[in-house]
Structures are given as C-alpha cells and as structure tokens.
Amino acid sequence: MRERPSGEGSRAAVIGAGRMGHGIALEAARGGFAVAIHDSQPGRAEVAIAEAEADAQDLVAAGLIRTCDIPTIVGRLMPTANLESAAAGAEVVFEAVAEDLEVKRSVFARLDRAAPPGALLLSNTSSLGISAIASACRRPERVALAHWILPPHLIPAVEVAPGPKTSPATIEAVRDLLDRLGKWPVVLEREMPGYLINRLQFALLREAMDLVGQGVASAEEIDRAVRGSIARRMPVMGLFGQADLAGLDVYRQIFRYLAADLSTIDGPPAALDEAVESGRTGAAVGQGFYSWTTDRRDEALRRRNAELIRLLRADRGG
C-alpha cells in the first residue's frame, strides 16, 4: 500500500501535540488531509511536525509509503497558534490534550463554537466519559470517542464509542473515516470506564502486579512468560479465536476452578503503590519494575517499533 489520499482537499485539526497528537496528525496527513496542529505550549506544534517526519520513516519500513512521499505528507501539517483558527473549516477535529476532564471540557466548548456545524469532534480520552466531555457542547450529537493507541502510526486499532447523545450518523462517519485512513475501527455500543482496550490491558496488569506483590514471580519472569506464550498467539488468534481452538468446554472448566482465585482488588496493586511511593515511576526516571538507562530505553523502543512494523508488513502479506 502506498499513500492513501482519501481525504484529499479536506481539512482536519489535531488539538494537543504531545506523544499521541503528532502520530494522529501523521496518519491524517497520510490520508490526504491538510492538518492544522495546535498546542497550548508555544513551539510544541513545530516540534510535533519534526517528530511526525521522523516517524514517517517507520511507515517506509512497513511498506506503507515511499521515501519520496514523505515531503508531500509532512507538507500537509501546519502549526497553528490559535485553537479557533485550527478548528475553522475542519471536517474532523482530533483532541489529544491532557487526560483531565475540565481541560477537555474547556477545549470541546471552544471547538463546539469554532468548528463547522457538521464537523466530527473526536476525543482521544482513554478513561473519561464522552458524555461528560460532550456536555460542554451545544451539539453533543457530533462528539464521539476515537481512542488511538500508542504509537498511533504503527497500531492499527482505534476505539470508537458514542456518548448517550452521539448520533448514529456520527459513529458511522467516524468508522468510515478510520477505514479510509487504513485503521481498524473497533466500535463499542456505549461508553464505559476505560472503554475496551484499557479494560483488557488493566485486567491483565492487575493480575500480573498482584502476582509480583504476592512473591509468586518477579516482573522479569512474568514478562518472560507472557512474551514466550500468550503474546505469541494473540497477534494471530486474538482471545476468542484461541478459546475456540482450545475448546470452550475446556475453558469453562478452567474458569470453574480458577475464577475465584483471580485478583479482585478494587484499587492499584500493592506492588504498583510501592513502586510509585518509592519514586520508581518507570523508564523516565531510570527505575520502575526494571532498571533503565537511556540506551536501554531507546533500544526497547527500537525493538518494539521493529516488531510493530513487522506485524504491519504481515497484515499486508509482505
């Protein structure tokens, strides 16, 4: 697949130019949209464009674009100092600001006034309710979830969910847009805390961190187990495909034996509390469940991206 000009001549906006925003902007630009990027931090939008240009090399490696496509794609990204100017004329606005309800409500109230009446207003929230965000708008029927997964230029799935007042036409339009961008829209019937992907991810993390806290196994051993077993099947079979292959009668019997013993803690696992309270908050500070140097972090990101690129090539039969 080469560049997809599905939105040729159309305008989009990305509000929030951090870790997620620049990747979302790159994908919209790859789809042919002229993308206005706005961030409240001066100069951040320009940095995001440089980051998007660097990330475009991953798309070349995945066979999604050619090197000669990059100037055209990056040329569609425009830093915009004013939120209202970014939203004016946009057919779709992707919000990727801080995961703070009042911040998002303030942004959406401004977008509701500034964007054209028919524009899609899409939040990248991973946990906050679309209903709470959309309540700041006069036209909540055009507000929906479009939750991209880090890194957004390499992860195909995008969660889509309505609020109670989101129109069915809006959800269909979002699904169609993401299809045209070459993404995998995963459409939920309603909003819920954490939506779908985080609920699955945090259910596994809760159990894994609780096992660390109980002294059953170290973080290293648990990661080794995951990488060498279920993580190898999931890209091919998912969860339900694997259950069908193994036999649902077998799975039901295992659930009868195991379910009552799985973690049901109703807050952060003790191992996570201990790490955070000790200042071991992850790779950014050099220590989390693992010890990190800058080189080790960079190598982990390189290996992660290389595997994601391999999977994208496999999706295309390459």
C-alpha atoms as a PDB file:
ATOM      1  CA  MET A   1       0.000   0.000   0.000  1.00  0.00           C
ATOM      2  CA  ARG A   2       1.203   3.488  -0.788  1.00  0.00           C
ATOM      3  CA  GLU A   3      -0.030   6.874   0.356  1.00  0.00           C
ATOM      4  CA  ARG A   4      -3.806   6.975   0.804  1.00  0.00           C
ATOM      5  CA  PRO A   5      -5.204  10.331  -0.395  1.00  0.00           C
ATOM      6  CA  SER A   6      -8.699   9.509   0.915  1.00  0.00           C
ATOM      7  CA  GLY A   7      -9.125  12.972   2.382  1.00  0.00           C
ATOM      8  CA  GLU A   8      -7.528  14.875  -0.495  1.00  0.00           C
ATOM      9  CA  GLY A   9      -8.642  18.509  -0.357  1.00  0.00           C
ATOM     10  CA  SER A  10     -10.148  18.088   3.128  1.00  0.00           C
ATOM     11  CA  ARG A  11      -9.075  19.733   6.365  1.00  0.00           C
ATOM     12  CA  ALA A  12      -8.532  18.238   9.785  1.00  0.00           C
ATOM     13  CA  ALA A  13      -7.243  19.585  13.086  1.00  0.00           C
ATOM     14  CA  VAL A  14      -5.317  17.994  15.930  1.00  0.00           C
ATOM     15  CA  ILE A  15      -5.512  19.736  19.297  1.00  0.00           C
ATOM     16  CA  GLY A  16      -2.690  18.649  21.563  1.00  0.00           C
ATOM     17  CA  ALA A  17       0.707  17.907  20.010  1.00  0.00           C
ATOM     18  CA  GLY A  18       2.245  15.546  22.539  1.00  0.00           C
ATOM     19  CA  ARG A  19       3.077  11.845  22.323  1.00  0.00           C
ATOM     20  CA  MET A  20      -0.239  10.972  20.675  1.00  0.00           C
ATOM     21  CA  GLY A  21      -1.019  14.128  18.744  1.00  0.00           C
ATOM     22  CA  HIS A  22       1.859  14.067  16.298  1.00  0.00           C
ATOM     23  CA  GLY A  23       1.155  10.435  15.360  1.00  0.00           C
ATOM     24  CA  ILE A  24      -2.555  11.104  14.819  1.00  0.00           C
ATOM     25  CA  ALA A  25      -1.663  14.110  12.681  1.00  0.00           C
ATOM     26  CA  LEU A  26       0.727  11.999  10.609  1.00  0.00           C
ATOM     27  CA  GLU A  27      -1.979   9.403   9.919  1.00  0.00           C
ATOM     28  CA  ALA A  28      -4.500  12.067   8.912  1.00  0.00           C
ATOM     29  CA  ALA A  29      -1.936  13.675   6.619  1.00  0.00           C
ATOM     30  CA  ARG A  30      -1.098  10.298   5.112  1.00  0.00           C
ATOM     31  CA  GLY A  31      -4.793  10.059   4.297  1.00  0.00           C
ATOM     32  CA  GLY A  32      -4.646  13.291   2.343  1.00  0.00           C
ATOM     33  CA  PHE A  33      -5.944  15.760   4.932  1.00  0.00           C
ATOM     34  CA  ALA A  34      -4.405  19.172   5.421  1.00  0.00           C
ATOM     35  CA  VAL A  35      -3.890  19.089   9.186  1.00  0.00           C
ATOM     36  CA  ALA A  36      -3.743  22.120  11.458  1.00  0.00           C
ATOM     37  CA  ILE A  37      -1.880  21.271  14.674  1.00  0.00           C
ATOM     38  CA  HIS A  38      -2.413  23.339  17.802  1.00  0.00           C
ATOM     39  CA  ASP A  39      -0.860  23.026  21.231  1.00  0.00           C
ATOM     40  CA  SER A  40      -1.133  25.412  24.168  1.00  0.00           C
ATOM     41  CA  GLN A  41       2.645  25.198  24.658  1.00  0.00           C
ATOM     42  CA  PRO A  42       4.382  27.641  22.281  1.00  0.00           C
ATOM     43  CA  GLY A  43       6.591  25.900  19.749  1.00  0.00           C
ATOM     44  CA  ARG A  44       5.260  22.437  20.552  1.00  0.00           C
ATOM     45  CA  ALA A  45       3.352  22.112  17.252  1.00  0.00           C
ATOM     46  CA  GLU A  46       6.559  22.699  15.280  1.00  0.00           C
ATOM     47  CA  VAL A  47       8.324  20.003  17.327  1.00  0.00           C
ATOM     48  CA  ALA A  48       5.405  17.651  16.630  1.00  0.00           C
ATOM     49  CA  ILE A  49       5.846  18.096  12.882  1.00  0.00           C
ATOM     50  CA  ALA A  50       9.517  17.165  13.175  1.00  0.00           C
ATOM     51  CA  GLU A  51       8.518  14.104  15.230  1.00  0.00           C
ATOM     52  CA  ALA A  52       5.930  13.148  12.610  1.00  0.00           C
ATOM     53  CA  GLU A  53       8.565  13.402   9.876  1.00  0.00           C
ATOM     54  CA  ALA A  54      10.848  11.083  11.853  1.00  0.00           C
ATOM     55  CA  ASP A  55       8.011   8.616  12.450  1.00  0.00           C
ATOM     56  CA  ALA A  56       7.247   8.570   8.719  1.00  0.00           C
ATOM     57  CA  GLN A  57      10.431   6.535   8.285  1.00  0.00           C
ATOM     58  CA  ASP A  58       8.666   3.702  10.166  1.00  0.00           C
ATOM     59  CA  LEU A  59       5.904   3.804   7.550  1.00  0.00           C
ATOM     60  CA  VAL A  60       8.530   3.498   4.814  1.00  0.00           C
ATOM     61  CA  ALA A  61       9.980   0.461   6.601  1.00  0.00           C
ATOM     62  CA  ALA A  62       6.485  -1.034   6.842  1.00  0.00           C
ATOM     63  CA  GLY A  63       5.960  -0.574   3.112  1.00  0.00           C
ATOM     64  CA  LEU A  64       3.024   1.780   3.637  1.00  0.00           C
ATOM     65  CA  ILE A  65       4.617   4.765   1.914  1.00  0.00           C
ATOM     66  CA  ARG A  66       7.728   5.531  -0.118  1.00  0.00           C
ATOM     67  CA  THR A  67      10.531   7.828   0.965  1.00  0.00           C
ATOM     68  CA  CYS A  68       9.563  10.215  -1.823  1.00  0.00           C
ATOM     69  CA  ASP A  69       6.046  10.508  -0.280  1.00  0.00           C
ATOM     70  CA  ILE A  70       7.342  11.987   2.981  1.00  0.00           C
ATOM     71  CA  PRO A  71       7.743  15.628   1.859  1.00  0.00           C
ATOM     72  CA  THR A  72       4.196  15.646   0.493  1.00  0.00           C
ATOM     73  CA  ILE A  73       2.729  14.114   3.627  1.00  0.00           C
ATOM     74  CA  VAL A  74       4.678  16.301   6.060  1.00  0.00           C
ATOM     75  CA  GLY A  75       3.853  19.317   3.899  1.00  0.00           C
ATOM     76  CA  ARG A  76       0.206  18.843   4.863  1.00  0.00           C
ATOM     77  CA  LEU A  77       0.994  19.507   8.550  1.00  0.00           C
ATOM     78  CA  MET A  78       0.625  23.123   9.654  1.00  0.00           C
ATOM     79  CA  PRO A  79       1.421  24.526  13.117  1.00  0.00           C
ATOM     80  CA  THR A  80      -1.405  26.788  14.245  1.00  0.00           C
ATOM     81  CA  ALA A  81      -1.060  29.172  17.174  1.00  0.00           C
ATOM     82  CA  ASN A  82      -4.794  29.576  17.810  1.00  0.00           C
ATOM     83  CA  LEU A  83      -7.263  26.765  18.591  1.00  0.00           C
ATOM     84  CA  GLU A  84     -10.121  28.555  16.870  1.00  0.00           C
ATOM     85  CA  SER A  85      -8.065  29.016  13.704  1.00  0.00           C
ATOM     86  CA  ALA A  86      -7.111  25.336  13.732  1.00  0.00           C
ATOM     87  CA  ALA A  87     -10.749  24.219  14.027  1.00  0.00           C
ATOM     88  CA  ALA A  88     -12.185  26.672  11.495  1.00  0.00           C
ATOM     89  CA  GLY A  89     -13.034  24.802   8.304  1.00  0.00           C
ATOM     90  CA  ALA A  90     -12.024  21.388   9.697  1.00  0.00           C
ATOM     91  CA  GLU A  91     -14.187  18.415   8.788  1.00  0.00           C
ATOM     92  CA  VAL A  92     -12.796  16.446  11.710  1.00  0.00           C
ATOM     93  CA  VAL A  93     -11.015  17.511  14.912  1.00  0.00           C
ATOM     94  CA  PHE A  94      -8.962  15.056  16.952  1.00  0.00           C
ATOM     95  CA  GLU A  95      -8.420  16.133  20.576  1.00  0.00           C
ATOM     96  CA  ALA A  96      -5.327  14.748  22.312  1.00  0.00           C
ATOM     97  CA  VAL A  97      -4.800  17.064  25.300  1.00  0.00           C
ATOM     98  CA  ALA A  98      -4.105  16.123  28.918  1.00  0.00           C
ATOM     99  CA  GLU A  99      -6.304  13.419  30.499  1.00  0.00           C
ATOM    100  CA  ASP A 100      -8.097  15.979  32.657  1.00  0.00           C
ATOM    101  CA  LEU A 101     -11.870  16.328  32.396  1.00  0.00           C
ATOM    102  CA  GLU A 102     -12.033  20.068  32.942  1.00  0.00           C
ATOM    103  CA  VAL A 103      -9.255  20.683  30.419  1.00  0.00           C
ATOM    104  CA  LYS A 104     -11.049  18.554  27.836  1.00  0.00           C
ATOM    105  CA  ARG A 105     -14.427  20.179  28.537  1.00  0.00           C
ATOM    106  CA  SER A 106     -12.877  23.618  28.039  1.00  0.00           C
ATOM    107  CA  VAL A 107     -11.318  22.523  24.743  1.00  0.00           C
ATOM    108  CA  PHE A 108     -14.560  20.986  23.471  1.00  0.00           C
ATOM    109  CA  ALA A 109     -16.613  24.040  24.418  1.00  0.00           C
ATOM    110  CA  ARG A 110     -14.281  26.120  22.253  1.00  0.00           C
ATOM    111  CA  LEU A 111     -14.293  23.551  19.433  1.00  0.00           C
ATOM    112  CA  ASP A 112     -18.086  23.450  19.505  1.00  0.00           C
ATOM    113  CA  ARG A 113     -18.145  27.168  18.751  1.00  0.00           C
ATOM    114  CA  ALA A 114     -15.244  27.277  16.302  1.00  0.00           C
ATOM    115  CA  ALA A 115     -15.633  24.172  14.151  1.00  0.00           C
ATOM    116  CA  PRO A 116     -18.164  23.985  11.301  1.00  0.00           C
ATOM    117  CA  PRO A 117     -21.604  22.673  12.357  1.00  0.00           C
ATOM    118  CA  GLY A 118     -21.068  19.308  10.664  1.00  0.00           C
ATOM    119  CA  ALA A 119     -17.538  18.664  11.880  1.00  0.00           C
ATOM    120  CA  LEU A 120     -16.716  15.494  13.806  1.00  0.00           C
ATOM    121  CA  LEU A 121     -15.339  16.325  17.271  1.00  0.00           C
ATOM    122  CA  LEU A 122     -13.367  13.314  18.480  1.00  0.00           C
ATOM    123  CA  SER A 123     -11.675  12.780  21.835  1.00  0.00           C
ATOM    124  CA  ASN A 124      -8.644  10.553  22.345  1.00  0.00           C
ATOM    125  CA  THR A 125      -9.506  10.017  26.021  1.00  0.00           C
ATOM    126  CA  SER A 126      -8.681   6.548  27.323  1.00  0.00           C
ATOM    127  CA  SER A 127     -10.715   6.769  30.517  1.00  0.00           C
ATOM    128  CA  LEU A 128     -13.026   9.800  30.734  1.00  0.00           C
ATOM    129  CA  GLY A 129     -16.672   9.591  29.724  1.00  0.00           C
ATOM    130  CA  ILE A 130     -17.654  11.023  26.351  1.00  0.00           C
ATOM    131  CA  SER A 131     -20.944  12.108  27.918  1.00  0.00           C
ATOM    132  CA  ALA A 132     -19.092  14.305  30.430  1.00  0.00           C
ATOM    133  CA  ILE A 133     -16.939  15.819  27.689  1.00  0.00           C
ATOM    134  CA  ALA A 134     -19.819  16.327  25.256  1.00  0.00           C
ATOM    135  CA  SER A 135     -21.962  18.039  27.900  1.00  0.00           C
ATOM    136  CA  ALA A 136     -19.816  21.144  27.361  1.00  0.00           C
ATOM    137  CA  CYS A 137     -21.064  21.338  23.759  1.00  0.00           C
ATOM    138  CA  ARG A 138     -24.244  22.719  22.238  1.00  0.00           C
ATOM    139  CA  ARG A 139     -24.215  19.911  19.658  1.00  0.00           C
ATOM    140  CA  PRO A 140     -23.205  16.773  21.595  1.00  0.00           C
ATOM    141  CA  GLU A 141     -24.524  14.579  18.786  1.00  0.00           C
ATOM    142  CA  ARG A 142     -21.303  15.135  16.821  1.00  0.00           C
ATOM    143  CA  VAL A 143     -18.942  14.270  19.722  1.00  0.00           C
ATOM    144  CA  ALA A 144     -17.502  10.748  19.995  1.00  0.00           C
ATOM    145  CA  LEU A 145     -14.542   8.760  21.236  1.00  0.00           C
ATOM    146  CA  ALA A 146     -11.716   7.982  18.833  1.00  0.00           C
ATOM    147  CA  HIS A 147      -9.063   6.466  21.107  1.00  0.00           C
ATOM    148  CA  TRP A 148      -5.799   5.805  19.283  1.00  0.00           C
ATOM    149  CA  ILE A 149      -3.173   3.505  20.804  1.00  0.00           C
ATOM    150  CA  LEU A 150       0.479   4.486  21.278  1.00  0.00           C
ATOM    151  CA  PRO A 151       2.293   4.633  18.872  1.00  0.00           C
ATOM    152  CA  PRO A 152      -0.671   5.656  16.700  1.00  0.00           C
ATOM    153  CA  HIS A 153       1.159   5.480  13.373  1.00  0.00           C
ATOM    154  CA  LEU A 154       2.038   1.801  13.974  1.00  0.00           C
ATOM    155  CA  ILE A 155      -1.008   0.473  15.885  1.00  0.00           C
ATOM    156  CA  PRO A 156      -3.956  -0.096  13.554  1.00  0.00           C
ATOM    157  CA  ALA A 157      -6.818  -0.308  16.084  1.00  0.00           C
ATOM    158  CA  VAL A 158      -8.738   2.824  17.096  1.00  0.00           C
ATOM    159  CA  GLU A 159     -11.529   2.544  19.672  1.00  0.00           C
ATOM    160  CA  VAL A 160     -14.769   4.314  18.745  1.00  0.00           C
ATOM    161  CA  ALA A 161     -17.606   4.866  21.203  1.00  0.00           C
ATOM    162  CA  PRO A 162     -20.674   7.088  21.452  1.00  0.00           C
ATOM    163  CA  GLY A 163     -21.954   9.120  24.327  1.00  0.00           C
ATOM    164  CA  PRO A 164     -25.688   8.969  25.111  1.00  0.00           C
ATOM    165  CA  LYS A 165     -26.356  11.880  22.748  1.00  0.00           C
ATOM    166  CA  THR A 166     -23.955  10.935  19.952  1.00  0.00           C
ATOM    167  CA  SER A 167     -25.873  10.381  16.729  1.00  0.00           C
ATOM    168  CA  PRO A 168     -25.612   7.052  14.874  1.00  0.00           C
ATOM    169  CA  ALA A 169     -24.614   9.072  11.805  1.00  0.00           C
ATOM    170  CA  THR A 170     -21.590  10.410  13.686  1.00  0.00           C
ATOM    171  CA  ILE A 171     -20.417   6.901  14.622  1.00  0.00           C
ATOM    172  CA  GLU A 172     -20.827   5.712  11.041  1.00  0.00           C
ATOM    173  CA  ALA A 173     -18.905   8.732   9.784  1.00  0.00           C
ATOM    174  CA  VAL A 174     -16.054   8.040  12.235  1.00  0.00           C
ATOM    175  CA  ARG A 175     -15.960   4.372  11.240  1.00  0.00           C
ATOM    176  CA  ASP A 176     -15.853   5.329   7.563  1.00  0.00           C
ATOM    177  CA  LEU A 177     -13.131   7.924   8.150  1.00  0.00           C
ATOM    178  CA  LEU A 178     -10.895   5.473  10.009  1.00  0.00           C
ATOM    179  CA  ASP A 179     -11.475   2.802   7.366  1.00  0.00           C
ATOM    180  CA  ARG A 180     -10.340   5.263   4.711  1.00  0.00           C
ATOM    181  CA  LEU A 181      -7.242   6.072   6.751  1.00  0.00           C
ATOM    182  CA  GLY A 182      -6.349   2.381   6.788  1.00  0.00           C
ATOM    183  CA  LYS A 183      -7.032   1.960  10.523  1.00  0.00           C
ATOM    184  CA  TRP A 184      -9.080  -0.725  12.282  1.00  0.00           C
ATOM    185  CA  PRO A 185     -12.094   0.976  13.905  1.00  0.00           C
ATOM    186  CA  VAL A 186     -13.306  -1.008  16.937  1.00  0.00           C
ATOM    187  CA  VAL A 187     -16.820   0.250  17.609  1.00  0.00           C
ATOM    188  CA  LEU A 188     -18.353  -0.056  21.078  1.00  0.00           C
ATOM    189  CA  GLU A 189     -22.109   0.196  21.564  1.00  0.00           C
ATOM    190  CA  ARG A 190     -21.764   2.555  24.545  1.00  0.00           C
ATOM    191  CA  GLU A 191     -19.240   4.330  26.722  1.00  0.00           C
ATOM    192  CA  MET A 192     -17.881   2.723  29.873  1.00  0.00           C
ATOM    193  CA  PRO A 193     -14.953   3.376  32.257  1.00  0.00           C
ATOM    194  CA  GLY A 194     -11.699   2.521  30.481  1.00  0.00           C
ATOM    195  CA  TYR A 195     -13.645   1.529  27.346  1.00  0.00           C
ATOM    196  CA  LEU A 196     -12.454  -1.780  25.869  1.00  0.00           C
ATOM    197  CA  ILE A 197      -8.691  -1.878  25.344  1.00  0.00           C
ATOM    198  CA  ASN A 198      -7.728  -0.428  28.719  1.00  0.00           C
ATOM    199  CA  ARG A 199     -10.170  -2.731  30.497  1.00  0.00           C
ATOM    200  CA  LEU A 200      -8.471  -5.746  28.927  1.00  0.00           C
ATOM    201  CA  GLN A 201      -4.967  -4.370  29.484  1.00  0.00           C
ATOM    202  CA  PHE A 202      -5.552  -3.409  33.106  1.00  0.00           C
ATOM    203  CA  ALA A 203      -7.272  -6.695  33.943  1.00  0.00           C
ATOM    204  CA  LEU A 204      -4.079  -8.491  32.888  1.00  0.00           C
ATOM    205  CA  LEU A 205      -1.866  -5.942  34.656  1.00  0.00           C
ATOM    206  CA  ARG A 206      -3.878  -6.252  37.874  1.00  0.00           C
ATOM    207  CA  GLU A 207      -3.302  -9.988  37.959  1.00  0.00           C
ATOM    208  CA  ALA A 208       0.374  -9.702  36.970  1.00  0.00           C
ATOM    209  CA  MET A 209       1.170  -6.999  39.532  1.00  0.00           C
ATOM    210  CA  ASP A 210      -0.718  -8.872  42.228  1.00  0.00           C
ATOM    211  CA  LEU A 211       1.404 -11.961  41.500  1.00  0.00           C
ATOM    212  CA  VAL A 212       4.535  -9.818  41.932  1.00  0.00           C
ATOM    213  CA  GLY A 213       3.155  -8.475  45.207  1.00  0.00           C
ATOM    214  CA  GLN A 214       2.447 -11.996  46.466  1.00  0.00           C
ATOM    215  CA  GLY A 215       6.018 -13.036  45.652  1.00  0.00           C
ATOM    216  CA  VAL A 216       4.853 -15.667  43.171  1.00  0.00           C
ATOM    217  CA  ALA A 217       7.221 -14.481  40.440  1.00  0.00           C
ATOM    218  CA  SER A 218       9.294 -11.425  39.540  1.00  0.00           C
ATOM    219  CA  ALA A 219       8.283  -8.882  36.919  1.00  0.00           C
ATOM    220  CA  GLU A 220      11.065 -10.259  34.697  1.00  0.00           C
ATOM    221  CA  GLU A 221       9.755 -13.828  34.936  1.00  0.00           C
ATOM    222  CA  ILE A 222       6.168 -12.776  34.282  1.00  0.00           C
ATOM    223  CA  ASP A 223       7.201 -10.771  31.217  1.00  0.00           C
ATOM    224  CA  ARG A 224       9.243 -13.741  30.020  1.00  0.00           C
ATOM    225  CA  ALA A 225       6.192 -15.976  30.406  1.00  0.00           C
ATOM    226  CA  VAL A 226       3.938 -13.549  28.519  1.00  0.00           C
ATOM    227  CA  ARG A 227       6.399 -12.931  25.680  1.00  0.00           C
ATOM    228  CA  GLY A 228       7.012 -16.656  25.262  1.00  0.00           C
ATOM    229  CA  SER A 229       3.383 -17.776  25.311  1.00  0.00           C
ATOM    230  CA  ILE A 230       0.145 -15.791  25.067  1.00  0.00           C
ATOM    231  CA  ALA A 231       1.796 -12.789  23.401  1.00  0.00           C
ATOM    232  CA  ARG A 232       2.834 -15.048  20.530  1.00  0.00           C
ATOM    233  CA  ARG A 233      -0.681 -16.336  19.939  1.00  0.00           C
ATOM    234  CA  MET A 234      -2.600 -13.090  20.354  1.00  0.00           C
ATOM    235  CA  PRO A 235      -1.403 -11.343  17.158  1.00  0.00           C
ATOM    236  CA  VAL A 236      -2.706 -14.316  15.172  1.00  0.00           C
ATOM    237  CA  MET A 237      -5.762 -15.560  17.079  1.00  0.00           C
ATOM    238  CA  GLY A 238      -6.864 -12.837  19.494  1.00  0.00           C
ATOM    239  CA  LEU A 239      -8.651 -14.035  22.632  1.00  0.00           C
ATOM    240  CA  PHE A 240     -11.848 -15.605  21.346  1.00  0.00           C
ATOM    241  CA  GLY A 241     -10.223 -17.313  18.355  1.00  0.00           C
ATOM    242  CA  GLN A 242      -7.765 -19.024  20.672  1.00  0.00           C
ATOM    243  CA  ALA A 243     -10.575 -20.025  23.054  1.00  0.00           C
ATOM    244  CA  ASP A 244     -12.495 -21.595  20.181  1.00  0.00           C
ATOM    245  CA  LEU A 245      -9.439 -23.543  19.051  1.00  0.00           C
ATOM    246  CA  ALA A 246      -8.686 -24.791  22.561  1.00  0.00           C
ATOM    247  CA  GLY A 247     -12.322 -25.694  23.202  1.00  0.00           C
ATOM    248  CA  LEU A 248     -14.867 -23.649  25.103  1.00  0.00           C
ATOM    249  CA  ASP A 249     -15.722 -26.643  27.270  1.00  0.00           C
ATOM    250  CA  VAL A 250     -12.088 -26.733  28.417  1.00  0.00           C
ATOM    251  CA  TYR A 251     -12.096 -23.000  29.136  1.00  0.00           C
ATOM    252  CA  ARG A 252     -15.339 -23.273  31.116  1.00  0.00           C
ATOM    253  CA  GLN A 253     -13.826 -25.970  33.304  1.00  0.00           C
ATOM    254  CA  ILE A 254     -10.708 -23.866  33.927  1.00  0.00           C
ATOM    255  CA  PHE A 255     -12.875 -20.887  34.858  1.00  0.00           C
ATOM    256  CA  ARG A 256     -14.768 -23.004  37.386  1.00  0.00           C
ATOM    257  CA  TYR A 257     -11.522 -23.911  39.068  1.00  0.00           C
ATOM    258  CA  LEU A 258      -9.608 -20.636  38.695  1.00  0.00           C
ATOM    259  CA  ALA A 259     -12.002 -17.671  38.644  1.00  0.00           C
ATOM    260  CA  ALA A 260     -12.493 -17.422  42.408  1.00  0.00           C
ATOM    261  CA  ASP A 261      -8.725 -17.207  42.942  1.00  0.00           C
ATOM    262  CA  LEU A 262      -8.028 -14.400  40.452  1.00  0.00           C
ATOM    263  CA  SER A 263      -7.276 -10.942  41.811  1.00  0.00           C
ATOM    264  CA  THR A 264     -10.334  -8.857  42.681  1.00  0.00           C
ATOM    265  CA  ILE A 265      -8.567  -5.934  44.392  1.00  0.00           C
ATOM    266  CA  ASP A 266     -10.505  -2.699  43.921  1.00  0.00           C
ATOM    267  CA  GLY A 267      -7.553  -0.308  43.746  1.00  0.00           C
ATOM    268  CA  PRO A 268      -3.973  -0.165  42.488  1.00  0.00           C
ATOM    269  CA  PRO A 269      -1.997  -3.367  43.223  1.00  0.00           C
ATOM    270  CA  ALA A 270       0.331  -3.176  46.220  1.00  0.00           C
ATOM    271  CA  ALA A 271       3.381  -3.706  44.008  1.00  0.00           C
ATOM    272  CA  LEU A 272       2.400  -0.661  41.947  1.00  0.00           C
ATOM    273  CA  ASP A 273       1.739   1.510  45.021  1.00  0.00           C
ATOM    274  CA  GLU A 274       5.096   0.515  46.473  1.00  0.00           C
ATOM    275  CA  ALA A 275       6.961   1.357  43.268  1.00  0.00           C
ATOM    276  CA  VAL A 276       5.337   4.781  42.842  1.00  0.00           C
ATOM    277  CA  GLU A 277       5.647   5.758  46.503  1.00  0.00           C
ATOM    278  CA  SER A 278       9.347   4.845  46.331  1.00  0.00           C
ATOM    279  CA  GLY A 279       9.846   7.107  43.310  1.00  0.00           C
ATOM    280  CA  ARG A 280      10.289   4.165  40.920  1.00  0.00           C
ATOM    281  CA  THR A 281       7.853   5.512  38.331  1.00  0.00           C
ATOM    282  CA  GLY A 282       9.365   3.950  35.227  1.00  0.00           C
ATOM    283  CA  ALA A 283      11.826   4.417  32.408  1.00  0.00           C
ATOM    284  CA  ALA A 284      11.713   8.233  32.537  1.00  0.00           C
ATOM    285  CA  VAL A 285      13.363   8.238  35.987  1.00  0.00           C
ATOM    286  CA  GLY A 286      15.575   5.208  35.390  1.00  0.00           C
ATOM    287  CA  GLN A 287      13.731   2.744  37.614  1.00  0.00           C
ATOM    288  CA  GLY A 288      10.361   1.019  37.602  1.00  0.00           C
ATOM    289  CA  PHE A 289       9.896  -2.728  37.697  1.00  0.00           C
ATOM    290  CA  TYR A 290      13.148  -2.689  35.682  1.00  0.00           C
ATOM    291  CA  SER A 291      16.282  -0.544  35.841  1.00  0.00           C
ATOM    292  CA  TRP A 292      16.582   1.749  32.817  1.00  0.00           C
ATOM    293  CA  THR A 293      19.357   3.678  31.152  1.00  0.00           C
ATOM    294  CA  THR A 294      18.741   5.963  28.209  1.00  0.00           C
ATOM    295  CA  ASP A 295      20.354   3.411  25.925  1.00  0.00           C
ATOM    296  CA  ARG A 296      18.231   0.577  27.280  1.00  0.00           C
ATOM    297  CA  ARG A 297      15.031   2.629  26.881  1.00  0.00           C
ATOM    298  CA  ASP A 298      15.934   3.615  23.312  1.00  0.00           C
ATOM    299  CA  GLU A 299      16.760   0.014  22.436  1.00  0.00           C
ATOM    300  CA  ALA A 300      13.432  -1.179  23.896  1.00  0.00           C
ATOM    301  CA  LEU A 301      11.545   1.379  21.802  1.00  0.00           C
ATOM    302  CA  ARG A 302      13.523   0.381  18.719  1.00  0.00           C
ATOM    303  CA  ARG A 303      12.699  -3.296  19.238  1.00  0.00           C
ATOM    304  CA  ARG A 304       9.054  -2.506  19.923  1.00  0.00           C
ATOM    305  CA  ASN A 305       8.704  -0.437  16.762  1.00  0.00           C
ATOM    306  CA  ALA A 306      10.566  -3.013  14.680  1.00  0.00           C
ATOM    307  CA  GLU A 307       8.109  -5.707  15.797  1.00  0.00           C
ATOM    308  CA  LEU A 308       5.108  -3.461  15.123  1.00  0.00           C
ATOM    309  CA  ILE A 309       6.491  -2.742  11.648  1.00  0.00           C
ATOM    310  CA  ARG A 310       6.906  -6.484  11.082  1.00  0.00           C
ATOM    311  CA  LEU A 311       3.283  -7.071  12.059  1.00  0.00           C
ATOM    312  CA  LEU A 312       2.082  -4.304   9.726  1.00  0.00           C
ATOM    313  CA  ARG A 313       4.012  -5.906   6.883  1.00  0.00           C
ATOM    314  CA  ALA A 314       2.460  -9.272   7.794  1.00  0.00           C
ATOM    315  CA  ASP A 315      -1.016  -7.716   7.705  1.00  0.00           C
ATOM    316  CA  ARG A 316      -0.292  -6.727   4.115  1.00  0.00           C
ATOM    317  CA  GLY A 317       1.107 -10.155   3.228  1.00  0.00           C
ATOM    318  CA  GLY A 318       4.608  -8.698   2.957  1.00  0.00           C
END
